[in-house]
Amino acid sequence: MNEAELLTEVWCILREYIKDKQQAIDHLMSTIVDIGLSDETVEELKGIDKYLDKALEEYVYVDNDDAEDYDNDDNW
């Protein structure tokens, strides 16, 4: 079982017991991204459900902002 399959399985089980699914998956993905989630895994996780997709969109948005900030550091 790879990382994406494990995360999918965990999320599919937990979401059945969680009332605020979006807040829960946002927090989970934030923690996982901080640990080091690969871009490949992000791609594999897309399409599981609307909550995970929205959390992944936020991850991609934040990741792109960080890249832009890094690119702009050369221009100070």
C-alpha atoms as a PDB file:
ATOM      1  CA  MET A   1       0.000   0.000   0.000  1.00  0.00           C
ATOM      2  CA  ASN A   2       1.490   3.336  -1.024  1.00  0.00           C
ATOM      3  CA  GLU A   3       1.157   6.684   0.741  1.00  0.00           C
ATOM      4  CA  ALA A   4      -1.839   7.863  -1.329  1.00  0.00           C
ATOM      5  CA  GLU A   5      -3.716   4.595  -0.819  1.00  0.00           C
ATOM      6  CA  LEU A   6      -3.116   4.742   2.921  1.00  0.00           C
ATOM      7  CA  LEU A   7      -4.270   8.358   3.190  1.00  0.00           C
ATOM      8  CA  THR A   8      -7.338   7.587   1.098  1.00  0.00           C
ATOM      9  CA  GLU A   9      -8.264   4.624   3.282  1.00  0.00           C
ATOM     10  CA  VAL A  10      -7.785   6.598   6.509  1.00  0.00           C
ATOM     11  CA  TRP A  11      -9.803   9.551   5.234  1.00  0.00           C
ATOM     12  CA  CYS A  12     -12.658   7.378   3.941  1.00  0.00           C
ATOM     13  CA  ILE A  13     -12.970   5.727   7.343  1.00  0.00           C
ATOM     14  CA  LEU A  14     -12.668   8.874   9.447  1.00  0.00           C
ATOM     15  CA  ARG A  15     -15.004  11.064   7.388  1.00  0.00           C
ATOM     16  CA  GLU A  16     -17.911   8.834   8.383  1.00  0.00           C
ATOM     17  CA  TYR A  17     -17.458   9.901  12.028  1.00  0.00           C
ATOM     18  CA  ILE A  18     -16.580  13.576  11.607  1.00  0.00           C
ATOM     19  CA  LYS A  19     -19.183  16.349  11.534  1.00  0.00           C
ATOM     20  CA  ASP A  20     -16.999  19.167  10.144  1.00  0.00           C
ATOM     21  CA  LYS A  21     -15.334  17.221   7.384  1.00  0.00           C
ATOM     22  CA  GLN A  22     -13.753  20.209   5.629  1.00  0.00           C
ATOM     23  CA  GLN A  23     -12.063  21.555   8.744  1.00  0.00           C
ATOM     24  CA  ALA A  24     -10.838  18.079   9.630  1.00  0.00           C
ATOM     25  CA  ILE A  25      -9.291  17.338   6.224  1.00  0.00           C
ATOM     26  CA  ASP A  26      -7.817  20.848   5.992  1.00  0.00           C
ATOM     27  CA  HIS A  27      -6.065  20.291   9.319  1.00  0.00           C
ATOM     28  CA  LEU A  28      -4.945  16.787   8.368  1.00  0.00           C
ATOM     29  CA  MET A  29      -3.556  17.920   5.005  1.00  0.00           C
ATOM     30  CA  SER A  30      -1.795  20.873   6.617  1.00  0.00           C
ATOM     31  CA  THR A  31      -0.030  18.498   8.990  1.00  0.00           C
ATOM     32  CA  ILE A  32       0.838  16.044   6.226  1.00  0.00           C
ATOM     33  CA  VAL A  33       2.131  18.819   3.951  1.00  0.00           C
ATOM     34  CA  ASP A  34       4.361  20.084   6.769  1.00  0.00           C
ATOM     35  CA  ILE A  35       5.830  16.589   7.094  1.00  0.00           C
ATOM     36  CA  GLY A  36       6.507  16.467   3.356  1.00  0.00           C
ATOM     37  CA  LEU A  37       3.781  15.372   0.973  1.00  0.00           C
ATOM     38  CA  SER A  38       5.062  14.667  -2.533  1.00  0.00           C
ATOM     39  CA  ASP A  39       3.456  16.203  -5.608  1.00  0.00           C
ATOM     40  CA  GLU A  40       2.908  12.688  -6.947  1.00  0.00           C
ATOM     41  CA  THR A  41       0.862  11.783  -3.879  1.00  0.00           C
ATOM     42  CA  VAL A  42      -1.186  14.974  -4.235  1.00  0.00           C
ATOM     43  CA  GLU A  43      -2.052  13.989  -7.806  1.00  0.00           C
ATOM     44  CA  GLU A  44      -3.070  10.495  -6.707  1.00  0.00           C
ATOM     45  CA  LEU A  45      -5.375  11.909  -4.018  1.00  0.00           C
ATOM     46  CA  LYS A  46      -7.345  14.138  -6.374  1.00  0.00           C
ATOM     47  CA  GLY A  47     -10.911  13.038  -7.035  1.00  0.00           C
ATOM     48  CA  ILE A  48     -11.462  11.058  -3.819  1.00  0.00           C
ATOM     49  CA  ASP A  49     -14.139  13.459  -2.571  1.00  0.00           C
ATOM     50  CA  LYS A  50     -15.031  17.157  -2.562  1.00  0.00           C
ATOM     51  CA  TYR A  51     -13.528  17.822   0.872  1.00  0.00           C
ATOM     52  CA  LEU A  52     -10.156  16.346   0.014  1.00  0.00           C
ATOM     53  CA  ASP A  53     -10.152  18.088  -3.366  1.00  0.00           C
ATOM     54  CA  LYS A  54     -10.742  21.462  -1.702  1.00  0.00           C
ATOM     55  CA  ALA A  55      -7.969  20.803   0.836  1.00  0.00           C
ATOM     56  CA  LEU A  56      -5.624  19.835  -2.000  1.00  0.00           C
ATOM     57  CA  GLU A  57      -6.510  23.006  -3.909  1.00  0.00           C
ATOM     58  CA  GLU A  58      -5.467  24.980  -0.834  1.00  0.00           C
ATOM     59  CA  TYR A  59      -2.207  23.009  -0.701  1.00  0.00           C
ATOM     60  CA  VAL A  60      -1.476  23.776  -4.364  1.00  0.00           C
ATOM     61  CA  TYR A  61      -2.391  27.463  -3.834  1.00  0.00           C
ATOM     62  CA  VAL A  62      -0.074  27.768  -0.817  1.00  0.00           C
ATOM     63  CA  ASP A  63       2.694  25.853  -2.604  1.00  0.00           C
ATOM     64  CA  ASN A  64       2.483  28.219  -5.606  1.00  0.00           C
ATOM     65  CA  ASP A  65       2.566  31.275  -3.326  1.00  0.00           C
ATOM     66  CA  ASP A  66       5.715  29.945  -1.663  1.00  0.00           C
ATOM     67  CA  ALA A  67       7.354  29.443  -5.059  1.00  0.00           C
ATOM     68  CA  GLU A  68       6.456  32.996  -6.088  1.00  0.00           C
ATOM     69  CA  ASP A  69       7.848  34.386  -2.833  1.00  0.00           C
ATOM     70  CA  TYR A  70      11.046  32.440  -3.403  1.00  0.00           C
ATOM     71  CA  ASP A  71      11.340  33.767  -6.963  1.00  0.00           C
ATOM     72  CA  ASN A  72      10.777  37.337  -5.750  1.00  0.00           C
ATOM     73  CA  ASP A  73      13.535  37.117  -3.129  1.00  0.00           C
ATOM     74  CA  ASP A  74      16.127  37.712  -5.855  1.00  0.00           C
ATOM     75  CA  ASN A  75      14.626  41.102  -6.677  1.00  0.00           C
ATOM     76  CA  TRP A  76      15.054  42.886  -3.368  1.00  0.00           C
END
